[in-house]
Amino acid sequence: MKMSTRLKLYFMTKLYTVCVALSLLLMATTAGAKDSQLGDRYCFPPWEPINGHYNIWGDGLLVEFECNKGFNLVGDSFGACDTEAGIWTVSPPLCLGTKCKEPKYFTYGQMTIKHNGGMITFDCKAGYHLFGSRTLQCDGTKWNTTLPACLRNRGKYPSSYMEKLINAKRLRLQYRKNNMTSLLESDDSCNVERIDPPEIENARFRTSFYYNVMNKSYVMFATYQCVTGYKLRYADMRHLYCQNRKWRAPVFPECIKNMTACERNNGGCQQMCVIREHGYSCECRTGFTLGENRRNCIDFNECIFNNGNCHQVCYNTPGSFFCGCRPGYLMDKGICKG
């Protein structure tokens, strides 16, 4: 019986896949043997591709990616665990569908269709810049994000235009320098590629999507807030925006330590400044008491009360006192003896 061309191609592909897998297994096993004396570092399970899955085999040293039925795999199917670094040698592939409708129009630019209709990339002509994601991926029967737009390069805009551009919970920004350009160039590519905003010391963040009513697309922002005891160096610089898989801003948020009232000139206190739950207060060291202005410290005369518990004579000193005896007497364990 004569084998068809398609069947021959199928078996050749499978044979090639097995050969690649065996080569990767040999490389991973060799690397593992070299590291066995130092202790192996295993790889954590990789990200599961959207519309696909993975299988880990070869004693945890190999990973194989597969797409669900009806989706085409774009990228590497096989990878090995680098036991020295503890990471996989490949990134998860894309699993793209082919049943998404091609956009009817894209003005002031061009579309490039790839992978049998599973992906579209966009570029703008001279004098325009792209607003939104540069790449659309087919997630079965619909695209993974909204269609981008090519906007004309322009000069500065009044802040009133900026306020109308974004319609989402009255997001307020100080529109300085590049902030107009920043907003127009932002997209949601960090969400698509699962790229988290950067960690900023002594701060936490939350991400939000804001709908651009003019271009009918979403942009992604990260808003930072300093932890207790810290504040933003510039109060209006608290946002990062995503553009082409990177988080950007004219000035990155920075958290600096809050100066307490006591750190500024000791709170005006002569001796000690103490932070309270709802403010601060001045206090004095032992032997002193607060004056009428509640800031200065006045020597407390211990000899006034019960002679300072001295047997004969009490001598007051700044912040303290001591006991003595009258002429002709000597102190013996706190008692004056003649």
Protein backbone atom coordinates (compact mmCIF):
# COMPACT_ATOMS: atom_id res chain seq x y z
CA MET A 1 0.00 0.00 0.00
CA LYS A 2 1.41 3.40 -0.99
CA MET A 3 1.81 5.96 1.84
CA SER A 4 0.27 9.37 1.17
CA THR A 5 2.38 12.54 1.24
CA ARG A 6 0.43 13.90 4.21
CA LEU A 7 1.00 10.70 6.21
CA LYS A 8 4.71 10.76 5.40
CA LEU A 9 4.91 14.35 6.62
CA TYR A 10 3.09 13.40 9.83
CA PHE A 11 5.52 10.58 10.67
CA MET A 12 8.54 12.73 9.78
CA THR A 13 7.30 15.45 12.13
CA LYS A 14 6.77 12.99 14.96
CA LEU A 15 10.24 11.48 14.42
CA TYR A 16 11.82 14.92 14.51
CA THR A 17 9.92 15.76 17.72
CA VAL A 18 11.15 12.58 19.42
CA CYS A 19 14.74 13.31 18.39
CA VAL A 20 14.55 16.85 19.77
CA ALA A 21 13.05 15.60 23.03
CA LEU A 22 15.76 12.96 23.46
CA SER A 23 18.46 15.57 22.80
CA LEU A 24 17.00 17.92 25.40
CA LEU A 25 16.69 15.08 27.90
CA LEU A 26 20.34 14.16 27.37
CA MET A 27 21.40 17.80 27.88
CA ALA A 28 19.27 18.17 31.02
CA THR A 29 20.47 14.84 32.44
CA THR A 30 24.11 15.80 31.83
CA ALA A 31 23.58 19.18 33.51
CA GLY A 32 21.83 17.46 36.39
CA ALA A 33 24.72 15.02 36.80
CA LYS A 34 27.20 17.88 36.95
CA ASP A 35 25.13 19.60 39.62
CA SER A 36 24.44 16.48 41.67
CA GLN A 37 27.43 17.14 43.88
CA LEU A 38 26.26 20.67 44.60
CA GLY A 39 22.54 19.85 44.84
CA ASP A 40 20.00 20.05 42.01
CA ARG A 41 17.75 23.07 41.53
CA TYR A 42 14.39 22.06 40.14
CA CYS A 43 12.22 24.24 37.94
CA PHE A 44 8.80 25.42 39.07
CA PRO A 45 5.90 24.52 36.74
CA PRO A 46 5.76 27.00 33.82
CA TRP A 47 2.86 29.27 32.90
CA GLU A 48 0.14 27.29 31.18
CA PRO A 49 -0.46 28.75 27.71
CA ILE A 50 -3.91 30.19 27.14
CA ASN A 51 -5.92 27.65 25.12
CA GLY A 52 -3.25 25.03 25.76
CA HIS A 53 -1.54 22.90 28.37
CA TYR A 54 1.81 21.34 29.24
CA ASN A 55 3.22 18.00 30.38
CA ILE A 56 6.32 17.63 32.53
CA TRP A 57 8.25 14.39 32.15
CA GLY A 58 11.80 13.01 32.08
CA ASP A 59 12.04 13.10 35.90
CA GLY A 60 10.93 16.75 35.94
CA LEU A 61 13.63 17.84 33.48
CA LEU A 62 11.54 18.17 30.31
CA VAL A 63 8.40 20.10 29.47
CA GLU A 64 6.17 19.64 26.43
CA PHE A 65 3.59 22.25 25.39
CA GLU A 66 0.46 21.43 23.40
CA CYS A 67 -2.46 23.52 22.18
CA ASN A 68 -6.11 22.62 22.46
CA LYS A 69 -7.90 21.34 19.40
CA GLY A 70 -8.45 24.07 16.84
CA PHE A 71 -5.48 26.20 17.99
CA ASN A 72 -2.07 26.50 16.35
CA LEU A 73 1.11 26.47 18.42
CA VAL A 74 3.48 29.39 17.83
CA GLY A 75 6.80 29.04 19.61
CA ASP A 76 8.71 26.14 21.12
CA SER A 77 6.99 22.84 21.87
CA PHE A 78 9.75 21.37 24.03
CA GLY A 79 12.02 22.76 26.70
CA ALA A 80 14.42 21.53 29.35
CA CYS A 81 15.06 22.53 32.95
CA ASP A 82 18.33 24.40 33.43
CA THR A 83 19.31 22.89 36.77
CA GLU A 84 22.02 25.49 37.35
CA ALA A 85 19.66 28.46 37.09
CA GLY A 86 16.45 26.65 38.09
CA ILE A 87 14.56 27.95 35.03
CA TRP A 88 13.16 26.48 31.82
CA THR A 89 15.11 26.97 28.60
CA VAL A 90 11.99 28.12 26.70
CA SER A 91 9.03 30.40 27.32
CA PRO A 92 5.46 29.10 27.00
CA PRO A 93 4.28 29.30 23.37
CA LEU A 94 1.17 30.98 22.05
CA CYS A 95 -1.91 28.97 21.12
CA LEU A 96 -3.70 30.94 18.43
CA GLY A 97 -7.10 30.37 16.91
CA THR A 98 -7.93 31.01 13.27
CA LYS A 99 -11.63 31.92 13.35
CA CYS A 100 -11.40 35.59 14.33
CA LYS A 101 -12.82 38.09 11.86
CA GLU A 102 -10.31 40.33 10.18
CA PRO A 103 -10.84 44.02 11.09
CA LYS A 104 -12.60 45.85 8.28
CA TYR A 105 -10.48 48.98 8.50
CA PHE A 106 -7.34 50.41 10.08
CA THR A 107 -6.79 54.01 9.05
CA TYR A 108 -3.44 55.83 8.84
CA GLY A 109 -1.47 52.59 9.10
CA GLN A 110 -1.16 49.00 7.95
CA MET A 111 -2.04 45.56 9.31
CA THR A 112 0.13 42.46 8.95
CA ILE A 113 -1.69 39.14 9.32
CA LYS A 114 0.41 36.24 10.63
CA HIS A 115 0.07 32.57 11.59
CA ASN A 116 -2.93 31.74 9.39
CA GLY A 117 -4.96 34.63 10.75
CA GLY A 118 -4.10 33.96 14.39
CA MET A 119 -2.20 37.22 14.91
CA ILE A 120 -2.24 40.75 13.52
CA THR A 121 0.46 43.38 14.03
CA PHE A 122 -0.15 47.10 13.43
CA ASP A 123 2.13 49.93 12.32
CA CYS A 124 1.33 53.59 11.73
CA LYS A 125 2.54 55.72 8.85
CA ALA A 126 4.86 58.71 9.30
CA GLY A 127 3.36 61.51 11.37
CA TYR A 128 1.19 59.15 13.42
CA HIS A 129 1.77 57.03 16.50
CA LEU A 130 0.04 53.87 17.70
CA PHE A 131 -2.39 54.09 20.60
CA GLY A 132 -3.21 50.68 22.04
CA SER A 133 -1.71 47.23 21.68
CA ARG A 134 0.53 46.66 18.65
CA THR A 135 -0.50 43.00 18.47
CA LEU A 136 -3.88 41.25 18.41
CA GLN A 137 -4.06 37.52 19.11
CA CYS A 138 -6.99 35.30 18.16
CA ASP A 139 -8.48 33.72 21.27
CA GLY A 140 -10.72 31.25 19.47
CA THR A 141 -13.40 33.36 17.82
CA LYS A 142 -12.55 36.81 19.18
CA TRP A 143 -9.45 38.97 19.51
CA ASN A 144 -7.77 39.22 22.90
CA THR A 145 -7.97 43.02 23.08
CA THR A 146 -9.48 46.03 21.34
CA LEU A 147 -8.37 47.40 17.98
CA PRO A 148 -5.62 50.05 18.30
CA ALA A 149 -5.65 53.38 16.48
CA CYS A 150 -3.13 55.62 14.75
CA LEU A 151 -3.22 59.14 16.16
CA ARG A 152 -1.63 62.18 14.57
CA ASN A 153 1.45 63.54 16.32
CA ARG A 154 0.48 66.86 17.85
CA GLY A 155 1.72 69.45 20.26
CA LYS A 156 0.51 70.14 23.76
CA TYR A 157 -3.15 69.90 24.70
CA PRO A 158 -4.98 71.82 27.40
CA SER A 159 -5.74 69.83 30.52
CA SER A 160 -9.48 70.14 29.82
CA TYR A 161 -8.99 67.96 26.73
CA MET A 162 -7.15 65.43 28.85
CA GLU A 163 -10.01 65.25 31.35
CA LYS A 164 -12.45 64.47 28.55
CA LEU A 165 -10.14 61.85 27.03
CA ILE A 166 -10.44 59.38 29.88
CA ASN A 167 -13.78 58.51 31.43
CA ALA A 168 -13.11 56.36 34.49
CA LYS A 169 -13.82 57.32 38.08
CA ARG A 170 -12.54 60.85 37.48
CA LEU A 171 -8.90 59.81 37.38
CA ARG A 172 -6.95 62.91 38.27
CA LEU A 173 -3.41 63.45 37.06
CA GLN A 174 -1.16 66.45 37.10
CA TYR A 175 -0.70 66.98 33.38
CA ARG A 176 2.94 67.97 33.15
CA LYS A 177 5.61 67.59 30.51
CA ASN A 178 5.10 64.23 28.77
CA ASN A 179 1.93 63.12 30.50
CA MET A 180 -0.24 63.81 27.47
CA THR A 181 2.03 61.72 25.26
CA SER A 182 2.22 59.08 27.98
CA LEU A 183 -1.53 58.67 28.05
CA LEU A 184 -1.90 58.56 24.28
CA GLU A 185 0.83 55.94 23.90
CA SER A 186 -0.30 53.66 26.73
CA ASP A 187 -1.88 50.26 26.05
CA ASP A 188 -2.77 47.00 27.79
CA SER A 189 0.16 44.93 26.51
CA CYS A 190 1.44 44.34 30.06
CA ASN A 191 -1.84 42.65 30.87
CA VAL A 192 -1.70 40.51 27.74
CA GLU A 193 1.91 39.49 28.41
CA ARG A 194 1.35 39.12 32.20
CA ILE A 195 4.02 41.69 33.07
CA ASP A 196 3.51 43.00 36.60
CA PRO A 197 4.33 46.61 37.53
CA PRO A 198 7.76 46.98 39.16
CA GLU A 199 8.11 46.76 42.93
CA ILE A 200 8.90 50.13 44.48
CA GLU A 201 10.46 50.18 47.93
CA ASN A 202 8.03 50.94 50.77
CA ALA A 203 5.05 51.07 48.39
CA ARG A 204 2.21 48.90 47.17
CA PHE A 205 0.32 49.19 43.90
CA ARG A 206 -2.97 48.35 42.21
CA THR A 207 -3.65 48.13 38.49
CA SER A 208 -6.69 49.56 36.73
CA PHE A 209 -8.11 49.74 33.24
CA TYR A 210 -9.48 53.03 31.95
CA TYR A 211 -11.66 53.23 28.88
CA ASN A 212 -10.75 55.79 26.26
CA VAL A 213 -14.11 57.01 24.99
CA MET A 214 -12.60 58.73 21.96
CA ASN A 215 -10.70 55.74 20.59
CA LYS A 216 -12.86 53.01 22.10
CA SER A 217 -9.96 51.15 23.66
CA TYR A 218 -8.56 50.47 27.11
CA VAL A 219 -5.34 51.70 28.67
CA MET A 220 -3.69 50.21 31.73
CA PHE A 221 -2.36 52.13 34.75
CA ALA A 222 -0.61 51.17 37.98
CA THR A 223 -1.24 53.44 40.97
CA TYR A 224 1.22 53.38 43.88
CA GLN A 225 0.59 54.14 47.55
CA CYS A 226 3.29 54.39 50.20
CA VAL A 227 3.14 52.23 53.32
CA THR A 228 2.62 53.71 56.78
CA GLY A 229 5.48 55.98 57.78
CA TYR A 230 6.34 56.94 54.19
CA LYS A 231 5.01 59.43 51.66
CA LEU A 232 5.46 60.12 47.95
CA ARG A 233 8.34 62.44 47.16
CA TYR A 234 6.10 64.06 44.52
CA ALA A 235 2.43 63.72 45.43
CA ASP A 236 1.25 63.90 41.80
CA MET A 237 3.72 61.30 40.51
CA ARG A 238 2.00 58.12 41.66
CA HIS A 239 1.12 56.43 38.32
CA LEU A 240 2.90 54.17 35.83
CA TYR A 241 1.45 53.40 32.42
CA CYS A 242 2.06 50.41 30.17
CA GLN A 243 3.42 50.79 26.66
CA ASN A 244 4.79 48.01 24.43
CA ARG A 245 5.20 45.59 27.34
CA LYS A 246 7.08 48.06 29.56
CA TRP A 247 5.99 50.19 32.50
CA ARG A 248 6.85 53.84 32.02
CA ALA A 249 6.37 57.32 33.50
CA PRO A 250 8.03 60.73 33.13
CA VAL A 251 9.03 60.36 36.81
CA PHE A 252 8.73 57.05 38.67
CA PRO A 253 6.96 57.08 42.06
CA GLU A 254 9.31 57.22 45.04
CA CYS A 255 8.43 56.77 48.72
CA ILE A 256 10.45 58.68 51.30
CA LYS A 257 10.26 58.47 55.08
CA ASN A 258 7.74 60.74 56.76
CA MET A 259 9.40 63.27 59.04
CA THR A 260 7.56 63.29 62.35
CA ALA A 261 6.96 66.45 64.35
CA CYS A 262 9.72 65.36 66.73
CA GLU A 263 12.22 65.08 63.87
CA ARG A 264 11.78 68.76 63.07
CA ASN A 265 13.76 70.74 65.63
CA ASN A 266 12.82 68.20 68.34
CA GLY A 267 9.23 69.44 68.13
CA GLY A 268 10.28 72.66 69.88
CA CYS A 269 10.89 70.72 73.10
CA GLN A 270 13.82 71.67 75.32
CA GLN A 271 14.58 68.10 76.35
CA MET A 272 12.46 65.16 75.12
CA CYS A 273 9.86 64.94 72.34
CA VAL A 274 7.51 61.94 72.51
CA ILE A 275 5.26 60.78 69.61
CA ARG A 276 1.69 60.07 70.70
CA GLU A 277 -1.20 58.38 68.90
CA HIS A 278 -2.71 61.72 67.89
CA GLY A 279 0.33 63.98 67.88
CA TYR A 280 3.25 64.53 70.22
CA SER A 281 4.17 66.06 73.59
CA CYS A 282 7.24 67.40 75.36
CA GLU A 283 8.65 65.66 78.42
CA CYS A 284 11.51 66.25 80.81
CA ARG A 285 14.23 64.06 82.24
CA THR A 286 14.14 62.95 85.87
CA GLY A 287 14.65 65.92 88.18
CA PHE A 288 12.92 68.41 85.88
CA THR A 289 9.30 69.40 85.32
CA LEU A 290 7.56 71.09 82.38
CA GLY A 291 7.19 74.85 82.51
CA GLU A 292 4.03 76.79 81.76
CA ASN A 293 4.65 76.77 78.00
CA ARG A 294 4.75 72.93 78.11
CA ARG A 295 8.05 72.95 76.17
CA ASN A 296 10.77 74.16 78.53
CA CYS A 297 12.01 72.11 81.47
CA ILE A 298 12.46 73.63 84.94
CA ASP A 299 14.55 72.10 87.68
CA PHE A 300 12.42 70.30 90.25
CA ASN A 301 13.59 71.02 93.83
CA GLU A 302 13.42 67.63 95.52
CA CYS A 303 14.45 69.17 98.83
CA ILE A 304 11.11 70.95 99.21
CA PHE A 305 9.22 67.75 99.91
CA ASN A 306 10.13 66.00 103.14
CA ASN A 307 13.66 67.37 102.96
CA GLY A 308 14.38 64.97 100.10
CA ASN A 309 14.21 62.16 102.70
CA CYS A 310 17.60 63.33 103.95
CA HIS A 311 18.49 62.82 107.63
CA GLN A 312 19.81 66.35 108.16
CA VAL A 313 20.60 68.57 105.14
CA CYS A 314 19.28 68.36 101.52
CA TYR A 315 21.22 70.08 98.72
CA ASN A 316 19.36 70.69 95.44
CA THR A 317 21.26 70.54 92.12
CA PRO A 318 20.00 70.96 88.50
CA GLY A 319 18.09 67.79 87.84
CA SER A 320 19.09 66.07 91.07
CA PHE A 321 19.96 66.49 94.78
CA PHE A 322 22.16 64.99 97.48
CA CYS A 323 22.08 64.67 101.24
CA GLY A 324 24.63 66.04 103.71
CA CYS A 325 25.27 66.46 107.43
CA ARG A 326 25.67 69.46 109.69
CA PRO A 327 29.15 70.38 110.95
CA GLY A 328 30.44 67.85 113.45
CA TYR A 329 28.49 64.93 111.91
CA LEU A 330 29.51 62.24 109.42
CA MET A 331 27.30 60.31 107.01
CA ASP A 332 27.03 56.59 107.73
CA LYS A 333 24.68 54.67 105.45
CA GLY A 334 22.34 57.67 105.08
CA ILE A 335 22.42 58.53 108.80
CA CYS A 336 24.35 61.48 110.23
CA LYS A 337 26.33 60.42 113.32
CA GLY A 338 28.19 62.68 115.70
